[in-house]
Each structure stands twice: as C-alpha cells, then as structure tokens.
Amino acid sequence: MTNTYLDRSNYVKGLLLLIGKDHKITDSERDFLQKIGNALSFDKKFIESAINELFDNEYLGNEPPVFSRKQYAEAFLRDAIQLALIDNDLSSEEFGWLQSITVANDLANEWLENELGDYLSGTDTHESQELEIEKIFNTAEHI
C-alpha cells in the first residue's frame, strides 16, 4: 500500500468504525482487524486497545475515510465487505457506511454493488485469498 501514515490510519479507523456499526464486536471481527493491523505494521496491543475502546472513544469521529489513491479505496472497500459479512449479516448501518466511503472516494455506487454481488455470489471468494491490502503490499507498485 502506501507508506503514508494517513492512509494506513484511515484503513484501520474505517474498519474500526465499520465493526461498531451494529453495536457488537465478534471474535471474528477482532481477529480480522488484528490481521489488517499486522499487514499495516500496527502494534497488536494498539489494535486491541482501539477495539476495546471503540464505543467510548469520542475522538474517533464518524467521517468516512478518504484515501490518497483510488486503488487504496477499492482495496479498503473489498476488505470492508469481507469484514462486514464475517458474521453473515450486513446491517443497514454497515451498508450505509460502505456507501458513504464509496461516495467520499469518488467511486460509483454501481462499483460497490458489483463488488458486494460478486462476494455474495461466491464469484469473489475472499476466504481463500489474502487480504486486499496484502495484495497491494505484495506488488512493486506501492514502493
């Protein structure tokens, strides 16, 4: 991905806010966010504290993250879709959050709907693939 702290922070913050949209945090969501944090070189204890303090953190805000590159926004949304559906339930709040991020990053709503459709139909099976953020790190383009 990018080497900017802002993009990496926005990635984690956006996913943190996503897991809070349904007002519950599952072990699967915790594990997923730890995996993202590790991929972005965040300390495990920092991620765990951020998760534990999610509902009490008045400074976190509620603005959708905006990324410096379209590629990062798309990767974020693909990972966010996987995270939102990790409990097999996409709440209206979670979907609304994904839509707000799509708009904030100048992506078409149709793009989000297609990605969701691919994920739900099994066309895009994230379970057997690495995270989108890991794919970006594994390409020479991010350097």
Protein backbone atom coordinates (compact mmCIF):
# COMPACT_ATOMS: atom_id res chain seq x y z
CA MET A 1 0.00 0.00 0.00
CA THR A 2 1.15 3.47 0.59
CA ASN A 3 3.85 4.31 3.02
CA THR A 4 1.90 7.26 4.37
CA TYR A 5 0.70 7.01 7.90
CA LEU A 6 -2.56 8.76 7.00
CA ASP A 7 -3.66 6.09 4.51
CA ARG A 8 -2.72 3.31 6.91
CA SER A 9 -4.52 5.05 9.79
CA ASN A 10 -7.60 5.66 7.67
CA TYR A 11 -7.68 1.98 6.74
CA VAL A 12 -7.73 0.86 10.37
CA LYS A 13 -10.04 3.66 11.51
CA GLY A 14 -12.55 2.97 8.75
CA LEU A 15 -12.67 -0.73 9.63
CA LEU A 16 -12.94 0.05 13.34
CA LEU A 17 -15.92 2.27 12.69
CA LEU A 18 -17.43 -0.45 10.49
CA ILE A 19 -17.32 -3.10 13.22
CA GLY A 20 -19.05 -0.69 15.58
CA LYS A 21 -21.99 -0.01 13.26
CA ASP A 22 -24.00 -2.99 14.52
CA HIS A 23 -23.06 -2.23 18.16
CA LYS A 24 -21.37 -5.58 18.73
CA ILE A 25 -17.84 -6.84 18.20
CA THR A 26 -17.35 -10.54 17.49
CA ASP A 27 -14.18 -12.56 17.93
CA SER A 28 -14.03 -12.98 14.14
CA GLU A 29 -14.12 -9.22 13.68
CA ARG A 30 -11.36 -8.81 16.28
CA ASP A 31 -9.22 -11.40 14.52
CA PHE A 32 -9.79 -9.80 11.12
CA LEU A 33 -8.87 -6.35 12.39
CA GLN A 34 -5.72 -7.74 14.03
CA LYS A 35 -4.77 -9.30 10.69
CA ILE A 36 -5.28 -5.92 8.97
CA GLY A 37 -3.31 -4.16 11.69
CA ASN A 38 -0.45 -6.60 11.27
CA ALA A 39 -0.44 -6.13 7.48
CA LEU A 40 -0.25 -2.35 8.02
CA SER A 41 2.52 -2.68 10.65
CA PHE A 42 0.43 -1.56 13.62
CA ASP A 43 1.25 -2.92 17.06
CA LYS A 44 -1.07 -5.73 18.17
CA LYS A 45 -1.70 -4.06 21.53
CA PHE A 46 -2.60 -0.79 19.81
CA ILE A 47 -5.23 -2.55 17.66
CA GLU A 48 -6.64 -4.44 20.64
CA SER A 49 -6.91 -1.21 22.66
CA ALA A 50 -8.58 0.55 19.75
CA ILE A 51 -11.15 -2.24 19.51
CA ASN A 52 -11.75 -2.33 23.28
CA GLU A 53 -12.19 1.46 23.44
CA LEU A 54 -14.24 1.76 20.25
CA PHE A 55 -17.56 2.65 21.86
CA ASP A 56 -16.00 5.07 24.36
CA ASN A 57 -13.62 6.88 22.00
CA GLU A 58 -15.15 10.31 21.40
CA TYR A 59 -12.19 11.36 19.24
CA LEU A 60 -12.64 8.67 16.61
CA GLY A 61 -15.27 10.66 14.76
CA ASN A 62 -17.60 9.29 12.14
CA GLU A 63 -16.26 10.69 8.88
CA PRO A 64 -15.68 8.19 6.07
CA PRO A 65 -12.01 7.67 5.31
CA VAL A 66 -10.64 9.26 2.15
CA PHE A 67 -7.60 7.63 0.60
CA SER A 68 -4.84 9.21 -1.45
CA ARG A 69 -5.34 6.76 -4.31
CA LYS A 70 -8.39 5.10 -5.83
CA GLN A 71 -6.60 1.74 -5.63
CA TYR A 72 -6.42 2.05 -1.83
CA ALA A 73 -10.10 2.96 -1.54
CA GLU A 74 -11.06 -0.05 -3.65
CA ALA A 75 -8.84 -2.37 -1.60
CA PHE A 76 -10.29 -0.93 1.59
CA LEU A 77 -13.86 -1.49 0.43
CA ARG A 78 -13.16 -5.08 -0.62
CA ASP A 79 -11.66 -5.81 2.80
CA ALA A 80 -14.54 -3.93 4.44
CA ILE A 81 -17.10 -6.07 2.58
CA GLN A 82 -15.37 -9.19 3.85
CA LEU A 83 -15.36 -7.79 7.39
CA ALA A 84 -18.99 -6.63 7.24
CA LEU A 85 -20.11 -10.10 6.15
CA ILE A 86 -17.87 -12.04 8.52
CA ASP A 87 -20.91 -12.61 10.74
CA ASN A 88 -23.10 -13.42 7.70
CA ASP A 89 -25.22 -10.34 8.32
CA LEU A 90 -24.85 -7.00 6.56
CA SER A 91 -26.78 -4.48 8.63
CA SER A 92 -28.27 -1.36 7.06
CA GLU A 93 -25.82 0.71 9.13
CA GLU A 94 -22.86 -1.25 7.79
CA PHE A 95 -24.12 -0.94 4.21
CA GLY A 96 -24.67 2.79 4.70
CA TRP A 97 -21.09 3.13 5.95
CA LEU A 98 -19.76 1.32 2.88
CA GLN A 99 -21.83 3.60 0.65
CA SER A 100 -20.53 6.74 2.39
CA ILE A 101 -16.94 5.60 1.84
CA THR A 102 -17.71 4.86 -1.80
CA VAL A 103 -19.04 8.40 -2.29
CA ALA A 104 -16.23 10.05 -0.31
CA ASN A 105 -13.66 8.37 -2.55
CA ASP A 106 -15.41 9.21 -5.83
CA LEU A 107 -16.30 5.62 -6.67
CA ALA A 108 -19.54 4.72 -8.39
CA ASN A 109 -22.28 3.17 -6.28
CA GLU A 110 -22.54 0.57 -9.03
CA TRP A 111 -18.94 -0.45 -8.31
CA LEU A 112 -19.84 -1.17 -4.67
CA GLU A 113 -22.96 -3.09 -5.66
CA ASN A 114 -20.95 -5.19 -8.13
CA GLU A 115 -18.31 -5.97 -5.50
CA LEU A 116 -20.97 -6.95 -2.98
CA GLY A 117 -22.74 -9.06 -5.58
CA ASP A 118 -19.51 -10.84 -6.51
CA TYR A 119 -18.72 -11.52 -2.87
CA LEU A 120 -22.22 -12.79 -2.05
CA SER A 121 -22.43 -14.96 -5.16
CA GLY A 122 -19.10 -16.57 -4.38
CA THR A 123 -17.55 -15.21 -7.57
CA ASP A 124 -15.03 -13.38 -5.40
CA THR A 125 -14.20 -15.77 -2.60
CA HIS A 126 -12.12 -13.85 -0.07
CA GLU A 127 -11.86 -16.84 2.24
CA SER A 128 -9.18 -18.49 0.11
CA GLN A 129 -7.39 -15.26 -0.78
CA GLU A 130 -5.12 -12.92 1.03
CA LEU A 131 -6.46 -9.57 2.17
CA GLU A 132 -6.71 -6.88 -0.47
CA ILE A 133 -4.25 -4.78 1.50
CA GLU A 134 -1.75 -7.65 1.41
CA LYS A 135 -2.10 -7.85 -2.37
CA ILE A 136 -1.11 -4.19 -2.62
CA PHE A 137 1.88 -4.71 -0.32
CA ASN A 138 2.96 -7.65 -2.46
CA THR A 139 3.17 -5.58 -5.63
CA ALA A 140 6.07 -3.38 -6.53
CA GLU A 141 3.68 -0.53 -7.34
CA HIS A 142 3.32 0.63 -3.73
CA ILE A 143 7.01 1.45 -3.37
